Amino acid sequence: MAQLLKFELVSPERLLRSGEVQEVIVPGSEGEFTVLPMHAPVLSTLKTGVIRFKDEGGAEFRVFVRGGFAEVVDNGLIILAETAIPMEELDQDRLSQEIRNSQEDVADAEDDETRAKAQQALDHLQQLQASL
């Protein structure tokens, strides 16, 4: 039997996933990374993107995230996301609101580094919208 990874995905609104999975692909701020069972410990911030994971039966799930942290510990992964929306719940109106929020982040940025990160998040949201 294949080994599984303990996985929790939490947002301020709700617990989106708690259980065992085969793998998780995480949109880390330094680039996407895949977490498999027995992964080395890692702590990463999240960039705006889509978390993809396979449950114990191999079914694939996708969850849009905006901000937060991912921590790999003792054959487990915990993701604390500022915003987390299952892709099947992400409609054009909700995505348009996320884009407006991101545009405000760009406009409100107080320094070049913050503005660049906000612009990167906005660009990714607009790409996501174009793919829907």
N, C-alpha and C. Protein backbone atom coordinates (compact mmCIF):
# COMPACT_ATOMS: atom_id res chain seq x y z
N MET A 1 0.84 -1.20 0.00
CA MET A 1 0.00 0.00 0.00
C MET A 1 0.88 1.25 0.00
N ALA A 2 0.54 2.21 -0.83
CA ALA A 2 1.30 3.45 -0.93
C ALA A 2 1.17 4.27 0.34
N GLN A 3 2.25 4.93 0.69
CA GLN A 3 2.23 5.78 1.87
C GLN A 3 1.49 7.07 1.57
N LEU A 4 0.79 7.60 2.57
CA LEU A 4 0.03 8.82 2.39
C LEU A 4 0.58 9.94 3.27
N LEU A 5 0.20 11.16 2.95
CA LEU A 5 0.64 12.37 3.62
C LEU A 5 -0.54 12.97 4.36
N LYS A 6 -0.35 13.35 5.62
CA LYS A 6 -1.41 14.05 6.36
C LYS A 6 -1.45 15.48 5.83
N PHE A 7 -2.66 15.98 5.54
CA PHE A 7 -2.81 17.30 4.92
C PHE A 7 -3.96 18.06 5.55
N GLU A 8 -3.68 19.30 5.94
CA GLU A 8 -4.71 20.21 6.42
C GLU A 8 -4.62 21.51 5.65
N LEU A 9 -5.77 21.98 5.18
CA LEU A 9 -5.88 23.25 4.48
C LEU A 9 -6.93 24.07 5.21
N VAL A 10 -6.48 25.20 5.78
CA VAL A 10 -7.34 26.01 6.63
C VAL A 10 -7.33 27.46 6.14
N SER A 11 -8.50 28.08 6.14
CA SER A 11 -8.61 29.51 5.88
C SER A 11 -9.32 30.12 7.10
N PRO A 12 -9.36 31.44 7.22
CA PRO A 12 -10.06 32.03 8.36
C PRO A 12 -11.54 31.64 8.42
N GLU A 13 -12.14 31.36 7.26
CA GLU A 13 -13.57 31.05 7.21
C GLU A 13 -13.88 29.60 7.57
N ARG A 14 -12.96 28.65 7.22
CA ARG A 14 -13.29 27.24 7.39
C ARG A 14 -12.09 26.33 7.19
N LEU A 15 -12.27 25.09 7.64
CA LEU A 15 -11.34 24.02 7.37
C LEU A 15 -11.75 23.41 6.04
N LEU A 16 -10.89 23.50 5.03
CA LEU A 16 -11.25 23.01 3.70
C LEU A 16 -10.88 21.55 3.49
N ARG A 17 -9.84 21.09 4.19
CA ARG A 17 -9.42 19.71 4.01
C ARG A 17 -8.65 19.26 5.24
N SER A 18 -8.96 18.09 5.72
CA SER A 18 -8.20 17.46 6.78
C SER A 18 -8.26 15.97 6.54
N GLY A 19 -7.15 15.39 6.16
CA GLY A 19 -7.13 13.97 5.86
C GLY A 19 -5.83 13.58 5.18
N GLU A 20 -5.81 12.38 4.65
CA GLU A 20 -4.62 11.88 4.00
C GLU A 20 -4.72 12.04 2.49
N VAL A 21 -3.59 12.39 1.88
CA VAL A 21 -3.52 12.60 0.44
C VAL A 21 -2.25 11.94 -0.10
N GLN A 22 -2.22 11.76 -1.42
CA GLN A 22 -1.03 11.19 -2.07
C GLN A 22 0.05 12.25 -2.26
N GLU A 23 -0.36 13.45 -2.69
CA GLU A 23 0.59 14.52 -2.97
C GLU A 23 -0.14 15.85 -2.98
N VAL A 24 0.64 16.93 -2.79
CA VAL A 24 0.10 18.28 -2.84
C VAL A 24 1.08 19.15 -3.62
N ILE A 25 0.58 19.92 -4.59
CA ILE A 25 1.40 20.88 -5.32
C ILE A 25 1.05 22.26 -4.77
N VAL A 26 2.06 22.95 -4.25
CA VAL A 26 1.88 24.19 -3.51
C VAL A 26 2.46 25.37 -4.30
N PRO A 27 1.70 26.47 -4.43
CA PRO A 27 2.25 27.67 -5.08
C PRO A 27 3.06 28.50 -4.09
N GLY A 28 4.29 28.08 -3.84
CA GLY A 28 5.16 28.80 -2.91
C GLY A 28 5.62 30.12 -3.48
N SER A 29 5.97 31.04 -2.61
CA SER A 29 6.40 32.37 -3.08
C SER A 29 7.69 32.31 -3.88
N GLU A 30 8.49 31.27 -3.68
CA GLU A 30 9.73 31.09 -4.45
C GLU A 30 9.55 30.13 -5.61
N GLY A 31 8.31 29.71 -5.85
CA GLY A 31 8.02 28.78 -6.94
C GLY A 31 7.19 27.61 -6.45
N GLU A 32 6.54 26.94 -7.39
CA GLU A 32 5.72 25.77 -7.05
C GLU A 32 6.60 24.64 -6.54
N PHE A 33 6.06 23.89 -5.56
CA PHE A 33 6.77 22.69 -5.11
C PHE A 33 5.75 21.61 -4.78
N THR A 34 6.19 20.36 -4.94
CA THR A 34 5.34 19.21 -4.69
C THR A 34 5.75 18.57 -3.37
N VAL A 35 4.74 18.29 -2.54
CA VAL A 35 4.99 17.63 -1.26
C VAL A 35 4.45 16.21 -1.36
N LEU A 36 5.33 15.24 -1.09
CA LEU A 36 5.00 13.82 -1.09
C LEU A 36 5.24 13.28 0.33
N PRO A 37 4.77 12.07 0.63
CA PRO A 37 5.07 11.48 1.94
C PRO A 37 6.58 11.47 2.19
N MET A 38 6.95 11.70 3.43
CA MET A 38 8.35 11.71 3.89
C MET A 38 9.14 12.91 3.35
N HIS A 39 8.48 13.98 2.97
CA HIS A 39 9.14 15.20 2.50
C HIS A 39 9.92 15.83 3.65
N ALA A 40 11.04 16.43 3.33
CA ALA A 40 11.84 17.15 4.33
C ALA A 40 11.05 18.35 4.85
N PRO A 41 11.30 18.76 6.10
CA PRO A 41 10.61 19.93 6.65
C PRO A 41 10.87 21.18 5.81
N VAL A 42 9.80 21.95 5.60
CA VAL A 42 9.87 23.18 4.81
C VAL A 42 8.86 24.17 5.38
N LEU A 43 9.22 25.45 5.36
CA LEU A 43 8.28 26.51 5.69
C LEU A 43 8.34 27.50 4.54
N SER A 44 7.17 27.82 3.96
CA SER A 44 7.13 28.71 2.80
C SER A 44 5.91 29.61 2.89
N THR A 45 6.07 30.83 2.39
CA THR A 45 4.90 31.67 2.19
C THR A 45 4.24 31.25 0.88
N LEU A 46 2.96 31.58 0.73
CA LEU A 46 2.23 31.24 -0.48
C LEU A 46 2.08 32.46 -1.36
N LYS A 47 2.13 32.23 -2.67
CA LYS A 47 1.75 33.28 -3.61
C LYS A 47 0.33 32.97 -4.09
N THR A 48 -0.30 33.93 -4.69
CA THR A 48 -1.62 33.71 -5.26
C THR A 48 -1.51 32.61 -6.30
N GLY A 49 -2.37 31.62 -6.19
CA GLY A 49 -2.30 30.51 -7.13
C GLY A 49 -3.29 29.41 -6.78
N VAL A 50 -3.03 28.23 -7.29
CA VAL A 50 -3.92 27.10 -7.10
C VAL A 50 -3.15 25.94 -6.46
N ILE A 51 -3.66 25.46 -5.33
CA ILE A 51 -3.14 24.25 -4.70
C ILE A 51 -3.81 23.08 -5.38
N ARG A 52 -3.03 22.08 -5.75
CA ARG A 52 -3.58 20.87 -6.37
C ARG A 52 -3.18 19.69 -5.50
N PHE A 53 -4.14 18.81 -5.23
CA PHE A 53 -3.80 17.61 -4.46
C PHE A 53 -4.63 16.43 -4.90
N LYS A 54 -4.07 15.25 -4.62
CA LYS A 54 -4.75 13.98 -4.93
C LYS A 54 -5.10 13.31 -3.61
N ASP A 55 -6.37 12.94 -3.45
CA ASP A 55 -6.77 12.26 -2.22
C ASP A 55 -6.27 10.82 -2.23
N GLU A 56 -6.62 10.08 -1.18
CA GLU A 56 -6.12 8.71 -1.04
C GLU A 56 -6.55 7.81 -2.19
N GLY A 57 -7.67 8.13 -2.84
CA GLY A 57 -8.14 7.34 -3.97
C GLY A 57 -7.63 7.81 -5.32
N GLY A 58 -6.88 8.91 -5.35
CA GLY A 58 -6.33 9.43 -6.59
C GLY A 58 -7.15 10.53 -7.24
N ALA A 59 -8.31 10.89 -6.63
CA ALA A 59 -9.12 11.98 -7.17
C ALA A 59 -8.37 13.30 -6.98
N GLU A 60 -8.41 14.15 -8.01
CA GLU A 60 -7.70 15.43 -7.96
C GLU A 60 -8.63 16.56 -7.53
N PHE A 61 -8.07 17.47 -6.72
CA PHE A 61 -8.80 18.64 -6.25
C PHE A 61 -7.94 19.87 -6.48
N ARG A 62 -8.60 21.00 -6.70
CA ARG A 62 -7.90 22.27 -6.91
C ARG A 62 -8.56 23.33 -6.03
N VAL A 63 -7.71 24.11 -5.34
CA VAL A 63 -8.20 25.16 -4.45
C VAL A 63 -7.41 26.43 -4.74
N PHE A 64 -8.12 27.50 -5.05
CA PHE A 64 -7.50 28.81 -5.25
C PHE A 64 -7.09 29.36 -3.89
N VAL A 65 -5.86 29.87 -3.78
CA VAL A 65 -5.40 30.50 -2.54
C VAL A 65 -4.80 31.86 -2.83
N ARG A 66 -4.92 32.72 -1.83
CA ARG A 66 -4.32 34.06 -1.91
C ARG A 66 -3.68 34.34 -0.56
N GLY A 67 -2.35 34.26 -0.53
CA GLY A 67 -1.60 34.54 0.69
C GLY A 67 -1.65 33.42 1.70
N GLY A 68 -0.69 33.43 2.61
CA GLY A 68 -0.66 32.46 3.69
C GLY A 68 0.68 31.75 3.78
N PHE A 69 0.67 30.61 4.49
CA PHE A 69 1.88 29.85 4.77
C PHE A 69 1.65 28.36 4.56
N ALA A 70 2.71 27.66 4.19
CA ALA A 70 2.70 26.20 4.10
C ALA A 70 3.84 25.69 4.95
N GLU A 71 3.55 24.68 5.78
CA GLU A 71 4.59 24.09 6.62
C GLU A 71 4.54 22.58 6.51
N VAL A 72 5.68 21.99 6.12
CA VAL A 72 5.81 20.54 6.05
C VAL A 72 6.49 20.10 7.34
N VAL A 73 5.81 19.18 8.07
CA VAL A 73 6.33 18.64 9.33
C VAL A 73 5.98 17.17 9.43
N ASP A 74 6.88 16.34 9.96
CA ASP A 74 6.61 14.94 10.31
C ASP A 74 5.57 14.25 9.42
N ASN A 75 5.87 14.09 8.16
CA ASN A 75 4.98 13.43 7.20
C ASN A 75 3.61 14.10 7.12
N GLY A 76 3.60 15.42 7.27
CA GLY A 76 2.35 16.16 7.17
C GLY A 76 2.58 17.53 6.56
N LEU A 77 1.52 18.10 6.04
CA LEU A 77 1.55 19.44 5.45
C LEU A 77 0.37 20.22 6.00
N ILE A 78 0.67 21.40 6.54
CA ILE A 78 -0.38 22.29 7.03
C ILE A 78 -0.30 23.57 6.20
N ILE A 79 -1.42 23.96 5.60
CA ILE A 79 -1.48 25.22 4.86
C ILE A 79 -2.49 26.12 5.55
N LEU A 80 -2.02 27.31 5.93
CA LEU A 80 -2.88 28.33 6.49
C LEU A 80 -2.98 29.43 5.45
N ALA A 81 -4.12 29.52 4.79
CA ALA A 81 -4.29 30.46 3.68
C ALA A 81 -5.14 31.65 4.11
N GLU A 82 -4.76 32.84 3.66
CA GLU A 82 -5.56 34.03 3.93
C GLU A 82 -6.92 33.92 3.24
N THR A 83 -6.91 33.43 2.00
CA THR A 83 -8.12 33.16 1.23
C THR A 83 -7.96 31.79 0.59
N ALA A 84 -8.98 30.96 0.69
CA ALA A 84 -8.95 29.64 0.05
C ALA A 84 -10.35 29.32 -0.45
N ILE A 85 -10.46 29.09 -1.76
CA ILE A 85 -11.76 28.83 -2.39
C ILE A 85 -11.63 27.63 -3.31
N PRO A 86 -12.38 26.55 -3.05
CA PRO A 86 -12.35 25.43 -3.99
C PRO A 86 -12.69 25.92 -5.39
N MET A 87 -11.97 25.42 -6.39
CA MET A 87 -12.17 25.91 -7.76
C MET A 87 -13.61 25.78 -8.23
N GLU A 88 -14.32 24.74 -7.77
CA GLU A 88 -15.71 24.60 -8.21
C GLU A 88 -16.62 25.69 -7.63
N GLU A 89 -16.14 26.40 -6.59
CA GLU A 89 -16.91 27.51 -6.01
C GLU A 89 -16.47 28.86 -6.55
N LEU A 90 -15.40 28.87 -7.34
CA LEU A 90 -14.83 30.13 -7.83
C LEU A 90 -15.50 30.53 -9.13
N ASP A 91 -16.47 31.42 -9.05
CA ASP A 91 -17.16 31.87 -10.25
C ASP A 91 -16.57 33.20 -10.72
N GLN A 92 -17.02 33.66 -11.85
CA GLN A 92 -16.48 34.90 -12.43
C GLN A 92 -16.67 36.10 -11.50
N ASP A 93 -17.82 36.17 -10.81
CA ASP A 93 -18.06 37.30 -9.91
C ASP A 93 -17.07 37.32 -8.75
N ARG A 94 -16.85 36.15 -8.17
CA ARG A 94 -15.92 36.04 -7.04
C ARG A 94 -14.50 36.36 -7.50
N LEU A 95 -14.12 35.86 -8.65
CA LEU A 95 -12.79 36.12 -9.17
C LEU A 95 -12.63 37.60 -9.51
N SER A 96 -13.66 38.21 -10.06
CA SER A 96 -13.62 39.65 -10.35
C SER A 96 -13.40 40.45 -9.07
N GLN A 97 -14.02 40.03 -7.98
CA GLN A 97 -13.83 40.72 -6.69
C GLN A 97 -12.39 40.55 -6.21
N GLU A 98 -11.84 39.35 -6.36
CA GLU A 98 -10.44 39.12 -5.98
C GLU A 98 -9.51 40.01 -6.81
N ILE A 99 -9.82 40.19 -8.09
CA ILE A 99 -9.01 41.06 -8.95
C ILE A 99 -9.11 42.51 -8.48
N ARG A 100 -10.32 42.95 -8.15
CA ARG A 100 -10.47 44.32 -7.63
C ARG A 100 -9.67 44.50 -6.33
N ASN A 101 -9.71 43.51 -5.44
CA ASN A 101 -8.94 43.57 -4.20
C ASN A 101 -7.45 43.68 -4.50
N SER A 102 -7.00 42.90 -5.47
CA SER A 102 -5.60 42.90 -5.83
C SER A 102 -5.19 44.23 -6.48
N GLN A 103 -6.08 44.82 -7.28
CA GLN A 103 -5.80 46.13 -7.88
C GLN A 103 -5.65 47.19 -6.78
N GLU A 104 -6.47 47.09 -5.73
CA GLU A 104 -6.35 48.01 -4.60
C GLU A 104 -5.01 47.81 -3.89
N ASP A 105 -4.57 46.54 -3.77
CA ASP A 105 -3.28 46.27 -3.15
C ASP A 105 -2.15 46.94 -3.92
N VAL A 106 -2.22 46.88 -5.27
CA VAL A 106 -1.21 47.53 -6.10
C VAL A 106 -1.24 49.04 -5.88
N ALA A 107 -2.44 49.61 -5.90
CA ALA A 107 -2.58 51.06 -5.75
C ALA A 107 -2.14 51.54 -4.36
N ASP A 108 -2.37 50.71 -3.33
CA ASP A 108 -2.06 51.10 -1.96
C ASP A 108 -0.63 50.79 -1.52
N ALA A 109 0.14 50.11 -2.38
CA ALA A 109 1.50 49.70 -2.01
C ALA A 109 2.34 50.93 -1.68
N GLU A 110 3.10 50.82 -0.58
CA GLU A 110 3.88 51.96 -0.11
C GLU A 110 5.34 51.92 -0.55
N ASP A 111 5.76 50.79 -1.15
CA ASP A 111 7.14 50.71 -1.64
C ASP A 111 7.18 49.82 -2.88
N ASP A 112 8.31 49.88 -3.58
CA ASP A 112 8.44 49.15 -4.85
C ASP A 112 8.32 47.65 -4.68
N GLU A 113 8.90 47.09 -3.61
CA GLU A 113 8.86 45.64 -3.41
C GLU A 113 7.42 45.17 -3.17
N THR A 114 6.70 45.89 -2.33
CA THR A 114 5.30 45.55 -2.06
C THR A 114 4.46 45.68 -3.32
N ARG A 115 4.70 46.74 -4.09
CA ARG A 115 3.97 46.97 -5.34
C ARG A 115 4.25 45.84 -6.33
N ALA A 116 5.51 45.42 -6.44
CA ALA A 116 5.87 44.34 -7.38
C ALA A 116 5.18 43.03 -6.99
N LYS A 117 5.14 42.71 -5.71
CA LYS A 117 4.47 41.48 -5.26
C LYS A 117 2.97 41.56 -5.53
N ALA A 118 2.38 42.72 -5.25
CA ALA A 118 0.95 42.89 -5.49
C ALA A 118 0.64 42.80 -6.99
N GLN A 119 1.51 43.37 -7.82
CA GLN A 119 1.30 43.31 -9.27
C GLN A 119 1.42 41.87 -9.77
N GLN A 120 2.36 41.12 -9.21
CA GLN A 120 2.52 39.71 -9.59
C GLN A 120 1.25 38.92 -9.24
N ALA A 121 0.68 39.18 -8.06
CA ALA A 121 -0.56 38.51 -7.66
C ALA A 121 -1.70 38.90 -8.59
N LEU A 122 -1.78 40.18 -8.94
CA LEU A 122 -2.81 40.65 -9.87
C LEU A 122 -2.66 39.98 -11.24
N ASP A 123 -1.44 39.91 -11.74
CA ASP A 123 -1.20 39.26 -13.03
C ASP A 123 -1.65 37.81 -13.01
N HIS A 124 -1.35 37.12 -11.91
CA HIS A 124 -1.74 35.71 -11.81
C HIS A 124 -3.26 35.57 -11.77
N LEU A 125 -3.94 36.44 -11.05
CA LEU A 125 -5.40 36.40 -11.00
C LEU A 125 -5.99 36.63 -12.39
N GLN A 126 -5.43 37.56 -13.13
CA GLN A 126 -5.95 37.83 -14.47
C GLN A 126 -5.71 36.65 -15.40
N GLN A 127 -4.58 35.95 -15.24
CA GLN A 127 -4.34 34.73 -16.01
C GLN A 127 -5.35 33.65 -15.63
N LEU A 128 -5.62 33.53 -14.35
CA LEU A 128 -6.59 32.55 -13.88
C LEU A 128 -7.98 32.85 -14.46
N GLN A 129 -8.35 34.12 -14.46
CA GLN A 129 -9.65 34.53 -15.01
C GLN A 129 -9.72 34.19 -16.50
N ALA A 130 -8.64 34.42 -17.22
CA ALA A 130 -8.63 34.13 -18.65
C ALA A 130 -8.77 32.63 -18.91
N SER A 131 -8.26 31.80 -17.97
CA SER A 131 -8.33 30.34 -18.16
C SER A 131 -9.69 29.76 -17.81
N LEU A 132 -10.51 30.51 -17.08
CA LEU A 132 -11.86 30.03 -16.74
C LEU A 132 -12.74 30.29 -17.93
